[in-house]
Amino acid sequence: MPMYRRPFMRGKLYIHITVDFPDSLTPDQCKTLEAVLPPKPVSQMTDMELDECEETTLHDVNVEEEMSRKQAQAQEAYEEDENDDDDDDDDDDVRGGAQSVQCAQR
């Protein structure tokens, strides 16, 4: 995922999935699931399909800790933006804003 104000840096995407599987299914329930789900694959994946796959590693994550860490980072970025806005008058010539011209004294 792209990071705020850093277009060339990428962050981490966290997906929390909880699946409750039943202990057993009746034959009618199996037929219903087969009707709703995509058909079973009949063949193996081709080499080209395998090349298009992206390999990744799953890690256990404490979502609450990550959310609080992200909020702290967002707050720091917000405060950094506020500080940058306060310094705009001093940094105009550095950032390409209007430059002041002084008359030469002889």
C-alpha atoms as a PDB file:
ATOM      1  CA  MET A   1       0.000   0.000   0.000  1.00  0.00           C
ATOM      2  CA  PRO A   2       1.320   3.500  -0.754  1.00  0.00           C
ATOM      3  CA  MET A   3       2.422   5.582   2.221  1.00  0.00           C
ATOM      4  CA  TYR A   4       1.110   9.098   2.863  1.00  0.00           C
ATOM      5  CA  ARG A   5       3.250  11.739   1.098  1.00  0.00           C
ATOM      6  CA  ARG A   6       5.887   9.125   0.178  1.00  0.00           C
ATOM      7  CA  PRO A   7       4.929   7.871  -3.286  1.00  0.00           C
ATOM      8  CA  PHE A   8       7.928   5.575  -3.694  1.00  0.00           C
ATOM      9  CA  MET A   9       7.612   3.821  -0.334  1.00  0.00           C
ATOM     10  CA  ARG A  10       5.186   0.994   0.276  1.00  0.00           C
ATOM     11  CA  GLY A  11       3.545  -0.011   3.532  1.00  0.00           C
ATOM     12  CA  LYS A  12       2.018  -3.250   4.693  1.00  0.00           C
ATOM     13  CA  LEU A  13      -1.532  -4.387   4.063  1.00  0.00           C
ATOM     14  CA  TYR A  14      -3.140  -6.287   6.928  1.00  0.00           C
ATOM     15  CA  ILE A  15      -6.191  -8.424   6.292  1.00  0.00           C
ATOM     16  CA  HIS A  16      -7.982 -10.003   9.241  1.00  0.00           C
ATOM     17  CA  ILE A  17     -10.079 -12.997   8.234  1.00  0.00           C
ATOM     18  CA  THR A  18     -12.128 -15.121  10.600  1.00  0.00           C
ATOM     19  CA  VAL A  19     -13.723 -18.272   9.203  1.00  0.00           C
ATOM     20  CA  ASP A  20     -15.968 -20.528  11.239  1.00  0.00           C
ATOM     21  CA  PHE A  21     -16.142 -23.949   9.610  1.00  0.00           C
ATOM     22  CA  PRO A  22     -18.994 -26.266  10.558  1.00  0.00           C
ATOM     23  CA  ASP A  23     -18.158 -29.670  11.975  1.00  0.00           C
ATOM     24  CA  SER A  24     -20.219 -31.414   9.281  1.00  0.00           C
ATOM     25  CA  LEU A  25     -22.483 -30.733   6.287  1.00  0.00           C
ATOM     26  CA  THR A  26     -25.564 -32.497   5.041  1.00  0.00           C
ATOM     27  CA  PRO A  27     -25.628 -33.616   1.385  1.00  0.00           C
ATOM     28  CA  ASP A  28     -28.138 -30.847   0.619  1.00  0.00           C
ATOM     29  CA  GLN A  29     -25.817 -28.233   2.135  1.00  0.00           C
ATOM     30  CA  CYS A  30     -22.932 -29.594   0.014  1.00  0.00           C
ATOM     31  CA  LYS A  31     -25.020 -29.255  -3.149  1.00  0.00           C
ATOM     32  CA  THR A  32     -25.996 -25.700  -2.206  1.00  0.00           C
ATOM     33  CA  LEU A  33     -22.346 -24.748  -1.640  1.00  0.00           C
ATOM     34  CA  GLU A  34     -21.295 -26.304  -4.940  1.00  0.00           C
ATOM     35  CA  ALA A  35     -23.990 -24.265  -6.713  1.00  0.00           C
ATOM     36  CA  VAL A  36     -22.803 -21.001  -5.126  1.00  0.00           C
ATOM     37  CA  LEU A  37     -19.023 -21.492  -5.241  1.00  0.00           C
ATOM     38  CA  PRO A  38     -16.925 -21.470  -8.427  1.00  0.00           C
ATOM     39  CA  PRO A  39     -16.463 -24.858 -10.083  1.00  0.00           C
ATOM     40  CA  LYS A  40     -13.627 -27.101  -8.966  1.00  0.00           C
ATOM     41  CA  PRO A  41     -10.468 -26.693 -11.069  1.00  0.00           C
ATOM     42  CA  VAL A  42     -10.053 -29.572 -13.482  1.00  0.00           C
ATOM     43  CA  SER A  43      -6.402 -29.120 -14.416  1.00  0.00           C
ATOM     44  CA  GLN A  44      -3.150 -27.926 -12.941  1.00  0.00           C
ATOM     45  CA  MET A  45      -2.051 -24.324 -13.422  1.00  0.00           C
ATOM     46  CA  THR A  46       0.065 -23.605 -16.484  1.00  0.00           C
ATOM     47  CA  ASP A  47       3.606 -22.221 -16.180  1.00  0.00           C
ATOM     48  CA  MET A  48       2.364 -18.847 -17.377  1.00  0.00           C
ATOM     49  CA  GLU A  49      -0.335 -18.772 -14.683  1.00  0.00           C
ATOM     50  CA  LEU A  50       2.242 -19.724 -12.054  1.00  0.00           C
ATOM     51  CA  ASP A  51       4.513 -16.881 -13.234  1.00  0.00           C
ATOM     52  CA  GLU A  52       1.676 -14.409 -12.662  1.00  0.00           C
ATOM     53  CA  CYS A  53       1.284 -15.515  -9.036  1.00  0.00           C
ATOM     54  CA  GLU A  54       2.874 -13.428  -6.320  1.00  0.00           C
ATOM     55  CA  GLU A  55       4.439 -15.327  -3.470  1.00  0.00           C
ATOM     56  CA  THR A  56       3.992 -13.877  -0.010  1.00  0.00           C
ATOM     57  CA  THR A  57       4.474 -14.816   3.612  1.00  0.00           C
ATOM     58  CA  LEU A  58       1.712 -14.653   6.187  1.00  0.00           C
ATOM     59  CA  HIS A  59       2.517 -13.483   9.696  1.00  0.00           C
ATOM     60  CA  ASP A  60       0.398 -13.421  12.830  1.00  0.00           C
ATOM     61  CA  VAL A  61      -0.291  -9.799  13.753  1.00  0.00           C
ATOM     62  CA  ASN A  62      -1.871  -8.117  16.747  1.00  0.00           C
ATOM     63  CA  VAL A  63      -4.304  -5.838  14.897  1.00  0.00           C
ATOM     64  CA  GLU A  64      -4.924  -3.539  17.893  1.00  0.00           C
ATOM     65  CA  GLU A  65      -1.192  -2.840  18.299  1.00  0.00           C
ATOM     66  CA  GLU A  66      -0.792  -2.157  14.587  1.00  0.00           C
ATOM     67  CA  MET A  67      -3.765   0.214  14.543  1.00  0.00           C
ATOM     68  CA  SER A  68      -2.436   2.219  17.502  1.00  0.00           C
ATOM     69  CA  ARG A  69       1.029   2.343  15.872  1.00  0.00           C
ATOM     70  CA  LYS A  70      -0.493   3.590  12.598  1.00  0.00           C
ATOM     71  CA  GLN A  71      -2.513   6.243  14.451  1.00  0.00           C
ATOM     72  CA  ALA A  72       0.664   7.463  16.150  1.00  0.00           C
ATOM     73  CA  GLN A  73       2.426   7.668  12.763  1.00  0.00           C
ATOM     74  CA  ALA A  74      -0.520   9.550  11.254  1.00  0.00           C
ATOM     75  CA  GLN A  75      -0.476  12.010  14.157  1.00  0.00           C
ATOM     76  CA  GLU A  76       3.270  12.580  13.647  1.00  0.00           C
ATOM     77  CA  ALA A  77       2.705  13.203   9.927  1.00  0.00           C
ATOM     78  CA  TYR A  78      -0.110  15.639  10.749  1.00  0.00           C
ATOM     79  CA  GLU A  79       2.079  17.522  13.233  1.00  0.00           C
ATOM     80  CA  GLU A  80       4.920  17.569  10.697  1.00  0.00           C
ATOM     81  CA  ASP A  81       2.550  19.111   8.125  1.00  0.00           C
ATOM     82  CA  GLU A  82       1.465  21.777  10.623  1.00  0.00           C
ATOM     83  CA  ASN A  83       5.094  22.638  11.364  1.00  0.00           C
ATOM     84  CA  ASP A  84       5.871  22.837   7.642  1.00  0.00           C
ATOM     85  CA  ASP A  85       2.941  25.234   7.129  1.00  0.00           C
ATOM     86  CA  ASP A  86       4.216  27.516   9.907  1.00  0.00           C
ATOM     87  CA  ASP A  87       7.646  27.781   8.265  1.00  0.00           C
ATOM     88  CA  ASP A  88       6.355  28.664   4.786  1.00  0.00           C
ATOM     89  CA  ASP A  89       7.439  32.330   5.019  1.00  0.00           C
ATOM     90  CA  ASP A  90      11.037  31.369   5.786  1.00  0.00           C
ATOM     91  CA  ASP A  91      11.325  28.688   3.133  1.00  0.00           C
ATOM     92  CA  ASP A  92       9.820  30.427   0.075  1.00  0.00           C
ATOM     93  CA  ASP A  93      13.135  30.748  -1.749  1.00  0.00           C
ATOM     94  CA  VAL A  94      14.038  27.115  -1.003  1.00  0.00           C
ATOM     95  CA  ARG A  95      10.684  25.688  -2.119  1.00  0.00           C
ATOM     96  CA  GLY A  96      10.443  27.753  -5.286  1.00  0.00           C
ATOM     97  CA  GLY A  97       7.986  30.345  -3.985  1.00  0.00           C
ATOM     98  CA  ALA A  98       8.252  34.104  -4.465  1.00  0.00           C
ATOM     99  CA  GLN A  99      11.770  35.390  -3.865  1.00  0.00           C
ATOM    100  CA  SER A 100      12.452  38.770  -2.360  1.00  0.00           C
ATOM    101  CA  VAL A 101      14.669  41.184  -4.280  1.00  0.00           C
ATOM    102  CA  GLN A 102      17.003  43.611  -2.543  1.00  0.00           C
ATOM    103  CA  CYS A 103      18.325  46.789  -4.082  1.00  0.00           C
ATOM    104  CA  ALA A 104      22.067  47.069  -4.345  1.00  0.00           C
ATOM    105  CA  GLN A 105      23.555  49.963  -2.360  1.00  0.00           C
ATOM    106  CA  ARG A 106      26.656  51.791  -3.709  1.00  0.00           C
END
